[in-house]
Amino acid sequence: MVANSEGVTAELYKAIVAIVDDRVKEIRVTREDFSELRRAVNELAEAQIRTEKRVEEVFKVMFGFFIHPSATELAEREEIVLVASYQR
């Protein structure tokens, strides 16, 4: 047995190739598999779009015992509804 420059003998190389070939034969991706994957990716993309729209619709509320007037100005700019405990 003579090893090549990588240190692998010809017989070992052939054995490795045979094992890999056997494993690769077991792996099959069909058109149906690909179509199913494409459908799943499209569904995920649509769900992402819906989620992003919902995030834009989030209603911002901040509760507190006392709300300082400076916080009121900032909240108005940021479109945050402030609710103090004495405002029930």
PDB file of N, CA and C in Angstrom:
ATOM      1  N   MET A   1       0.832  -1.182   0.000  1.00  0.00           N
ATOM      2  CA  MET A   1       0.000   0.000   0.000  1.00  0.00           C
ATOM      3  C   MET A   1       0.875   1.242   0.000  1.00  0.00           C
ATOM      4  N   VAL A   2       0.698   2.080  -0.982  1.00  0.00           N
ATOM      5  CA  VAL A   2       1.474   3.311  -1.094  1.00  0.00           C
ATOM      6  C   VAL A   2       0.525   4.482  -0.850  1.00  0.00           C
ATOM      7  N   ALA A   3       0.913   5.380   0.059  1.00  0.00           N
ATOM      8  CA  ALA A   3       0.090   6.547   0.374  1.00  0.00           C
ATOM      9  C   ALA A   3       0.387   7.669  -0.603  1.00  0.00           C
ATOM     10  N   ASN A   4      -0.674   8.425  -0.969  1.00  0.00           N
ATOM     11  CA  ASN A   4      -0.437   9.576  -1.838  1.00  0.00           C
ATOM     12  C   ASN A   4       0.018  10.765  -0.975  1.00  0.00           C
ATOM     13  N   SER A   5       0.090  11.953  -1.546  1.00  0.00           N
ATOM     14  CA  SER A   5       0.640  13.114  -0.834  1.00  0.00           C
ATOM     15  C   SER A   5      -0.213  13.525   0.370  1.00  0.00           C
ATOM     16  N   GLU A   6      -1.491  13.147   0.402  1.00  0.00           N
ATOM     17  CA  GLU A   6      -2.353  13.493   1.535  1.00  0.00           C
ATOM     18  C   GLU A   6      -2.287  12.449   2.644  1.00  0.00           C
ATOM     19  N   GLY A   7      -1.563  11.366   2.435  1.00  0.00           N
ATOM     20  CA  GLY A   7      -1.441  10.340   3.461  1.00  0.00           C
ATOM     21  C   GLY A   7      -2.536   9.298   3.410  1.00  0.00           C
ATOM     22  N   VAL A   8      -3.309   9.245   2.336  1.00  0.00           N
ATOM     23  CA  VAL A   8      -4.396   8.282   2.187  1.00  0.00           C
ATOM     24  C   VAL A   8      -4.000   7.270   1.123  1.00  0.00           C
ATOM     25  N   THR A   9      -4.110   6.025   1.452  1.00  0.00           N
ATOM     26  CA  THR A   9      -3.770   4.995   0.468  1.00  0.00           C
ATOM     27  C   THR A   9      -4.866   4.910  -0.586  1.00  0.00           C
ATOM     28  N   ALA A  10      -4.540   4.319  -1.722  1.00  0.00           N
ATOM     29  CA  ALA A  10      -5.508   4.171  -2.809  1.00  0.00           C
ATOM     30  C   ALA A  10      -6.693   3.317  -2.357  1.00  0.00           C
ATOM     31  N   GLU A  11      -6.412   2.255  -1.593  1.00  0.00           N
ATOM     32  CA  GLU A  11      -7.494   1.395  -1.122  1.00  0.00           C
ATOM     33  C   GLU A  11      -8.406   2.125  -0.150  1.00  0.00           C
ATOM     34  N   LEU A  12      -7.826   2.910   0.763  1.00  0.00           N
ATOM     35  CA  LEU A  12      -8.627   3.676   1.714  1.00  0.00           C
ATOM     36  C   LEU A  12      -9.460   4.722   0.978  1.00  0.00           C
ATOM     37  N   TYR A  13      -8.842   5.371   0.001  1.00  0.00           N
ATOM     38  CA  TYR A  13      -9.549   6.358  -0.806  1.00  0.00           C
ATOM     39  C   TYR A  13     -10.759   5.732  -1.495  1.00  0.00           C
ATOM     40  N   LYS A  14     -10.568   4.563  -2.114  1.00  0.00           N
ATOM     41  CA  LYS A  14     -11.665   3.865  -2.783  1.00  0.00           C
ATOM     42  C   LYS A  14     -12.760   3.490  -1.794  1.00  0.00           C
ATOM     43  N   ALA A  15     -12.374   3.068  -0.593  1.00  0.00           N
ATOM     44  CA  ALA A  15     -13.361   2.706   0.425  1.00  0.00           C
ATOM     45  C   ALA A  15     -14.171   3.931   0.849  1.00  0.00           C
ATOM     46  N   ILE A  16     -13.487   5.050   1.026  1.00  0.00           N
ATOM     47  CA  ILE A  16     -14.187   6.288   1.406  1.00  0.00           C
ATOM     48  C   ILE A  16     -15.146   6.712   0.312  1.00  0.00           C
ATOM     49  N   VAL A  17     -14.702   6.666  -0.921  1.00  0.00           N
ATOM     50  CA  VAL A  17     -15.558   7.042  -2.053  1.00  0.00           C
ATOM     51  C   VAL A  17     -16.775   6.126  -2.117  1.00  0.00           C
ATOM     52  N   ALA A  18     -16.592   4.832  -1.908  1.00  0.00           N
ATOM     53  CA  ALA A  18     -17.713   3.880  -1.952  1.00  0.00           C
ATOM     54  C   ALA A  18     -18.720   4.190  -0.853  1.00  0.00           C
ATOM     55  N   ILE A  19     -18.237   4.492   0.346  1.00  0.00           N
ATOM     56  CA  ILE A  19     -19.139   4.823   1.465  1.00  0.00           C
ATOM     57  C   ILE A  19     -19.914   6.098   1.167  1.00  0.00           C
ATOM     58  N   VAL A  20     -19.218   7.117   0.692  1.00  0.00           N
ATOM     59  CA  VAL A  20     -19.880   8.391   0.382  1.00  0.00           C
ATOM     60  C   VAL A  20     -20.901   8.188  -0.736  1.00  0.00           C
ATOM     61  N   ASP A  21     -20.542   7.432  -1.770  1.00  0.00           N
ATOM     62  CA  ASP A  21     -21.478   7.158  -2.864  1.00  0.00           C
ATOM     63  C   ASP A  21     -22.735   6.469  -2.354  1.00  0.00           C
ATOM     64  N   ASP A  22     -22.584   5.495  -1.459  1.00  0.00           N
ATOM     65  CA  ASP A  22     -23.747   4.800  -0.892  1.00  0.00           C
ATOM     66  C   ASP A  22     -24.644   5.773  -0.135  1.00  0.00           C
ATOM     67  N   ARG A  23     -24.048   6.643   0.622  1.00  0.00           N
ATOM     68  CA  ARG A  23     -24.830   7.618   1.411  1.00  0.00           C
ATOM     69  C   ARG A  23     -25.536   8.614   0.504  1.00  0.00           C
ATOM     70  N   VAL A  24     -24.853   9.070  -0.530  1.00  0.00           N
ATOM     71  CA  VAL A  24     -25.434  10.049  -1.447  1.00  0.00           C
ATOM     72  C   VAL A  24     -26.618   9.442  -2.190  1.00  0.00           C
ATOM     73  N   LYS A  25     -26.558   8.159  -2.501  1.00  0.00           N
ATOM     74  CA  LYS A  25     -27.671   7.495  -3.186  1.00  0.00           C
ATOM     75  C   LYS A  25     -28.945   7.553  -2.352  1.00  0.00           C
ATOM     76  N   GLU A  26     -28.794   7.583  -1.027  1.00  0.00           N
ATOM     77  CA  GLU A  26     -29.954   7.616  -0.135  1.00  0.00           C
ATOM     78  C   GLU A  26     -30.584   9.004  -0.066  1.00  0.00           C
ATOM     79  N   ILE A  27     -29.849  10.018  -0.480  1.00  0.00           N
ATOM     80  CA  ILE A  27     -30.344  11.393  -0.416  1.00  0.00           C
ATOM     81  C   ILE A  27     -31.015  11.729  -1.736  1.00  0.00           C
ATOM     82  N   ARG A  28     -32.291  11.995  -1.661  1.00  0.00           N
ATOM     83  CA  ARG A  28     -33.037  12.349  -2.855  1.00  0.00           C
ATOM     84  C   ARG A  28     -33.908  13.564  -2.555  1.00  0.00           C
ATOM     85  N   VAL A  29     -33.828  14.554  -3.389  1.00  0.00           N
ATOM     86  CA  VAL A  29     -34.694  15.716  -3.281  1.00  0.00           C
ATOM     87  C   VAL A  29     -35.554  15.718  -4.530  1.00  0.00           C
ATOM     88  N   THR A  30     -36.837  15.563  -4.322  1.00  0.00           N
ATOM     89  CA  THR A  30     -37.749  15.514  -5.459  1.00  0.00           C
ATOM     90  C   THR A  30     -38.322  16.895  -5.732  1.00  0.00           C
ATOM     91  N   ARG A  31     -38.951  17.024  -6.874  1.00  0.00           N
ATOM     92  CA  ARG A  31     -39.635  18.279  -7.211  1.00  0.00           C
ATOM     93  C   ARG A  31     -40.713  18.569  -6.175  1.00  0.00           C
ATOM     94  N   GLU A  32     -41.371  17.519  -5.708  1.00  0.00           N
ATOM     95  CA  GLU A  32     -42.409  17.691  -4.687  1.00  0.00           C
ATOM     96  C   GLU A  32     -41.804  18.238  -3.390  1.00  0.00           C
ATOM     97  N   ASP A  33     -40.640  17.710  -3.002  1.00  0.00           N
ATOM     98  CA  ASP A  33     -39.959  18.218  -1.811  1.00  0.00           C
ATOM     99  C   ASP A  33     -39.634  19.697  -1.971  1.00  0.00           C
ATOM    100  N   PHE A  34     -39.128  20.053  -3.147  1.00  0.00           N
ATOM    101  CA  PHE A  34     -38.769  21.438  -3.400  1.00  0.00           C
ATOM    102  C   PHE A  34     -40.004  22.327  -3.383  1.00  0.00           C
ATOM    103  N   SER A  35     -41.083  21.870  -3.984  1.00  0.00           N
ATOM    104  CA  SER A  35     -42.325  22.650  -4.003  1.00  0.00           C
ATOM    105  C   SER A  35     -42.865  22.833  -2.590  1.00  0.00           C
ATOM    106  N   GLU A  36     -42.786  21.799  -1.791  1.00  0.00           N
ATOM    107  CA  GLU A  36     -43.241  21.889  -0.404  1.00  0.00           C
ATOM    108  C   GLU A  36     -42.399  22.896   0.376  1.00  0.00           C
ATOM    109  N   LEU A  37     -41.101  22.864   0.159  1.00  0.00           N
ATOM    110  CA  LEU A  37     -40.220  23.824   0.815  1.00  0.00           C
ATOM    111  C   LEU A  37     -40.547  25.246   0.367  1.00  0.00           C
ATOM    112  N   ARG A  38     -40.786  25.420  -0.916  1.00  0.00           N
ATOM    113  CA  ARG A  38     -41.125  26.751  -1.430  1.00  0.00           C
ATOM    114  C   ARG A  38     -42.423  27.257  -0.806  1.00  0.00           C
ATOM    115  N   ARG A  39     -43.425  26.364  -0.681  1.00  0.00           N
ATOM    116  CA  ARG A  39     -44.683  26.762  -0.044  1.00  0.00           C
ATOM    117  C   ARG A  39     -44.452  27.188   1.396  1.00  0.00           C
ATOM    118  N   ALA A  40     -43.652  26.430   2.113  1.00  0.00           N
ATOM    119  CA  ALA A  40     -43.367  26.753   3.517  1.00  0.00           C
ATOM    120  C   ALA A  40     -42.662  28.103   3.639  1.00  0.00           C
ATOM    121  N   VAL A  41     -41.714  28.351   2.760  1.00  0.00           N
ATOM    122  CA  VAL A  41     -40.993  29.631   2.794  1.00  0.00           C
ATOM    123  C   VAL A  41     -41.952  30.776   2.472  1.00  0.00           C
ATOM    124  N   ASN A  42     -42.832  30.581   1.509  1.00  0.00           N
ATOM    125  CA  ASN A  42     -43.813  31.618   1.172  1.00  0.00           C
ATOM    126  C   ASN A  42     -44.753  31.887   2.345  1.00  0.00           C
ATOM    127  N   GLU A  43     -45.187  30.838   3.020  1.00  0.00           N
ATOM    128  CA  GLU A  43     -46.053  31.012   4.190  1.00  0.00           C
ATOM    129  C   GLU A  43     -45.329  31.777   5.293  1.00  0.00           C
ATOM    130  N   LEU A  44     -44.069  31.454   5.493  1.00  0.00           N
ATOM    131  CA  LEU A  44     -43.289  32.177   6.504  1.00  0.00           C
ATOM    132  C   LEU A  44     -43.123  33.646   6.125  1.00  0.00           C
ATOM    133  N   ALA A  45     -42.904  33.915   4.859  1.00  0.00           N
ATOM    134  CA  ALA A  45     -42.752  35.301   4.404  1.00  0.00           C
ATOM    135  C   ALA A  45     -44.051  36.077   4.622  1.00  0.00           C
ATOM    136  N   GLU A  46     -45.181  35.450   4.318  1.00  0.00           N
ATOM    137  CA  GLU A  46     -46.471  36.101   4.536  1.00  0.00           C
ATOM    138  C   GLU A  46     -46.719  36.338   6.025  1.00  0.00           C
ATOM    139  N   ALA A  47     -46.358  35.379   6.851  1.00  0.00           N
ATOM    140  CA  ALA A  47     -46.515  35.542   8.304  1.00  0.00           C
ATOM    141  C   ALA A  47     -45.635  36.674   8.809  1.00  0.00           C
ATOM    142  N   GLN A  48     -44.436  36.791   8.260  1.00  0.00           N
ATOM    143  CA  GLN A  48     -43.533  37.884   8.647  1.00  0.00           C
ATOM    144  C   GLN A  48     -44.149  39.228   8.307  1.00  0.00           C
ATOM    145  N   ILE A  49     -44.746  39.333   7.126  1.00  0.00           N
ATOM    146  CA  ILE A  49     -45.391  40.586   6.706  1.00  0.00           C
ATOM    147  C   ILE A  49     -46.541  40.924   7.646  1.00  0.00           C
ATOM    148  N   ARG A  50     -47.364  39.925   7.988  1.00  0.00           N
ATOM    149  CA  ARG A  50     -48.476  40.169   8.911  1.00  0.00           C
ATOM    150  C   ARG A  50     -47.962  40.608  10.277  1.00  0.00           C
ATOM    151  N   THR A  51     -46.892  39.981  10.738  1.00  0.00           N
ATOM    152  CA  THR A  51     -46.322  40.338  12.036  1.00  0.00           C
ATOM    153  C   THR A  51     -45.813  41.774  12.021  1.00  0.00           C
ATOM    154  N   GLU A  52     -45.137  42.159  10.957  1.00  0.00           N
ATOM    155  CA  GLU A  52     -44.624  43.519  10.860  1.00  0.00           C
ATOM    156  C   GLU A  52     -45.760  44.530  10.856  1.00  0.00           C
ATOM    157  N   LYS A  53     -46.865  44.212  10.200  1.00  0.00           N
ATOM    158  CA  LYS A  53     -48.019  45.117  10.203  1.00  0.00           C
ATOM    159  C   LYS A  53     -48.593  45.243  11.601  1.00  0.00           C
ATOM    160  N   ARG A  54     -48.660  44.133  12.331  1.00  0.00           N
ATOM    161  CA  ARG A  54     -49.180  44.173  13.702  1.00  0.00           C
ATOM    162  C   ARG A  54     -48.295  45.005  14.613  1.00  0.00           C
ATOM    163  N   VAL A  55     -46.990  44.890  14.429  1.00  0.00           N
ATOM    164  CA  VAL A  55     -46.071  45.666  15.264  1.00  0.00           C
ATOM    165  C   VAL A  55     -46.303  47.152  15.042  1.00  0.00           C
ATOM    166  N   GLU A  56     -46.596  47.544  13.804  1.00  0.00           N
ATOM    167  CA  GLU A  56     -46.880  48.944  13.519  1.00  0.00           C
ATOM    168  C   GLU A  56     -48.165  49.401  14.205  1.00  0.00           C
ATOM    169  N   GLU A  57     -49.061  48.475  14.500  1.00  0.00           N
ATOM    170  CA  GLU A  57     -50.343  48.806  15.096  1.00  0.00           C
ATOM    171  C   GLU A  57     -50.337  48.709  16.619  1.00  0.00           C
ATOM    172  N   VAL A  58     -49.185  48.494  17.216  1.00  0.00           N
ATOM    173  CA  VAL A  58     -49.109  48.332  18.661  1.00  0.00           C
ATOM    174  C   VAL A  58     -49.544  49.625  19.339  1.00  0.00           C
ATOM    175  N   PHE A  59     -50.366  49.475  20.332  1.00  0.00           N
ATOM    176  CA  PHE A  59     -50.860  50.603  21.104  1.00  0.00           C
ATOM    177  C   PHE A  59     -49.931  50.800  22.293  1.00  0.00           C
ATOM    178  N   LYS A  60     -49.269  51.940  22.353  1.00  0.00           N
ATOM    179  CA  LYS A  60     -48.278  52.178  23.388  1.00  0.00           C
ATOM    180  C   LYS A  60     -48.933  52.848  24.594  1.00  0.00           C
ATOM    181  N   VAL A  61     -48.790  52.199  25.740  1.00  0.00           N
ATOM    182  CA  VAL A  61     -49.369  52.708  26.980  1.00  0.00           C
ATOM    183  C   VAL A  61     -48.322  52.616  28.080  1.00  0.00           C
ATOM    184  N   MET A  62     -48.279  53.640  28.930  1.00  0.00           N
ATOM    185  CA  MET A  62     -47.377  53.615  30.084  1.00  0.00           C
ATOM    186  C   MET A  62     -48.198  53.960  31.323  1.00  0.00           C
ATOM    187  N   PHE A  63     -48.100  53.095  32.328  1.00  0.00           N
ATOM    188  CA  PHE A  63     -48.811  53.299  33.582  1.00  0.00           C
ATOM    189  C   PHE A  63     -47.845  53.821  34.635  1.00  0.00           C
ATOM    190  N   GLY A  64     -48.335  54.673  35.492  1.00  0.00           N
ATOM    191  CA  GLY A  64     -47.498  55.173  36.581  1.00  0.00           C
ATOM    192  C   GLY A  64     -48.354  55.754  37.693  1.00  0.00           C
ATOM    193  N   PHE A  65     -47.746  55.922  38.850  1.00  0.00           N
ATOM    194  CA  PHE A  65     -48.462  56.520  39.990  1.00  0.00           C
ATOM    195  C   PHE A  65     -48.633  58.013  39.763  1.00  0.00           C
ATOM    196  N   PHE A  66     -47.548  58.661  39.364  1.00  0.00           N
ATOM    197  CA  PHE A  66     -47.567  60.091  39.085  1.00  0.00           C
ATOM    198  C   PHE A  66     -46.822  60.313  37.772  1.00  0.00           C
ATOM    199  N   ILE A  67     -47.343  61.183  36.915  1.00  0.00           N
ATOM    200  CA  ILE A  67     -46.705  61.462  35.630  1.00  0.00           C
ATOM    201  C   ILE A  67     -46.285  62.927  35.604  1.00  0.00           C
ATOM    202  N   HIS A  68     -45.007  63.141  35.475  1.00  0.00           N
ATOM    203  CA  HIS A  68     -44.455  64.502  35.431  1.00  0.00           C
ATOM    204  C   HIS A  68     -44.839  65.163  34.109  1.00  0.00           C
ATOM    205  N   PRO A  69     -45.097  66.474  34.123  1.00  0.00           N
ATOM    206  CA  PRO A  69     -45.484  67.167  32.884  1.00  0.00           C
ATOM    207  C   PRO A  69     -44.480  66.987  31.735  1.00  0.00           C
ATOM    208  N   SER A  70     -43.190  66.898  32.030  1.00  0.00           N
ATOM    209  CA  SER A  70     -42.209  66.701  30.950  1.00  0.00           C
ATOM    210  C   SER A  70     -42.390  65.339  30.284  1.00  0.00           C
ATOM    211  N   ALA A  71     -42.835  64.364  31.048  1.00  0.00           N
ATOM    212  CA  ALA A  71     -43.090  63.040  30.474  1.00  0.00           C
ATOM    213  C   ALA A  71     -44.300  63.091  29.553  1.00  0.00           C
ATOM    214  N   THR A  72     -45.246  63.931  29.888  1.00  0.00           N
ATOM    215  CA  THR A  72     -46.447  64.074  29.059  1.00  0.00           C
ATOM    216  C   THR A  72     -46.071  64.596  27.673  1.00  0.00           C
ATOM    217  N   GLU A  73     -45.209  65.588  27.615  1.00  0.00           N
ATOM    218  CA  GLU A  73     -44.780  66.144  26.320  1.00  0.00           C
ATOM    219  C   GLU A  73     -44.054  65.088  25.482  1.00  0.00           C
ATOM    220  N   LEU A  74     -43.145  64.371  26.121  1.00  0.00           N
ATOM    221  CA  LEU A  74     -42.403  63.330  25.408  1.00  0.00           C
ATOM    222  C   LEU A  74     -43.338  62.223  24.920  1.00  0.00           C
ATOM    223  N   ALA A  75     -44.286  61.834  25.764  1.00  0.00           N
ATOM    224  CA  ALA A  75     -45.230  60.775  25.399  1.00  0.00           C
ATOM    225  C   ALA A  75     -46.074  61.181  24.195  1.00  0.00           C
ATOM    226  N   GLU A  76     -46.475  62.419  24.158  1.00  0.00           N
ATOM    227  CA  GLU A  76     -47.256  62.893  23.017  1.00  0.00           C
ATOM    228  C   GLU A  76     -46.445  62.812  21.728  1.00  0.00           C
ATOM    229  N   ARG A  77     -45.182  63.205  21.794  1.00  0.00           N
ATOM    230  CA  ARG A  77     -44.326  63.126  20.598  1.00  0.00           C
ATOM    231  C   ARG A  77     -44.145  61.687  20.136  1.00  0.00           C
ATOM    232  N   GLU A  78     -44.037  60.757  21.084  1.00  0.00           N
ATOM    233  CA  GLU A  78     -43.804  59.341  20.771  1.00  0.00           C
ATOM    234  C   GLU A  78     -45.097  58.540  20.622  1.00  0.00           C
ATOM    235  N   GLU A  79     -46.230  59.234  20.706  1.00  0.00           N
ATOM    236  CA  GLU A  79     -47.553  58.605  20.597  1.00  0.00           C
ATOM    237  C   GLU A  79     -47.755  57.512  21.645  1.00  0.00           C
ATOM    238  N   ILE A  80     -47.401  57.843  22.875  1.00  0.00           N
ATOM    239  CA  ILE A  80     -47.584  56.938  24.002  1.00  0.00           C
ATOM    240  C   ILE A  80     -48.700  57.500  24.886  1.00  0.00           C
ATOM    241  N   VAL A  81     -49.654  56.652  25.233  1.00  0.00           N
ATOM    242  CA  VAL A  81     -50.736  57.062  26.126  1.00  0.00           C
ATOM    243  C   VAL A  81     -50.266  56.841  27.550  1.00  0.00           C
ATOM    244  N   LEU A  82     -50.329  57.904  28.342  1.00  0.00           N
ATOM    245  CA  LEU A  82     -49.934  57.805  29.740  1.00  0.00           C
ATOM    246  C   LEU A  82     -51.166  57.676  30.613  1.00  0.00           C
ATOM    247  N   VAL A  83     -51.105  56.769  31.576  1.00  0.00           N
ATOM    248  CA  VAL A  83     -52.210  56.557  32.504  1.00  0.00           C
ATOM    249  C   VAL A  83     -51.640  56.584  33.912  1.00  0.00           C
ATOM    250  N   ALA A  84     -52.055  57.577  34.682  1.00  0.00           N
ATOM    251  CA  ALA A  84     -51.624  57.656  36.073  1.00  0.00           C
ATOM    252  C   ALA A  84     -52.666  56.969  36.944  1.00  0.00           C
ATOM    253  N   SER A  85     -52.234  56.443  38.087  1.00  0.00           N
ATOM    254  CA  SER A  85     -53.153  55.688  38.940  1.00  0.00           C
ATOM    255  C   SER A  85     -54.298  56.556  39.429  1.00  0.00           C
ATOM    256  N   TYR A  86     -54.105  57.855  39.559  1.00  0.00           N
ATOM    257  CA  TYR A  86     -55.176  58.729  40.015  1.00  0.00           C
ATOM    258  C   TYR A  86     -56.162  59.079  38.893  1.00  0.00           C
ATOM    259  N   GLN A  87     -55.941  58.584  37.679  1.00  0.00           N
ATOM    260  CA  GLN A  87     -56.821  58.883  36.538  1.00  0.00           C
ATOM    261  C   GLN A  87     -57.843  57.789  36.266  1.00  0.00           C
ATOM    262  N   ARG A  88     -58.004  56.875  37.162  1.00  0.00           N
ATOM    263  CA  ARG A  88     -58.912  55.743  36.887  1.00  0.00           C
ATOM    264  C   ARG A  88     -60.270  56.185  36.575  1.00  0.00           C
TER     265      ARG A  88
END
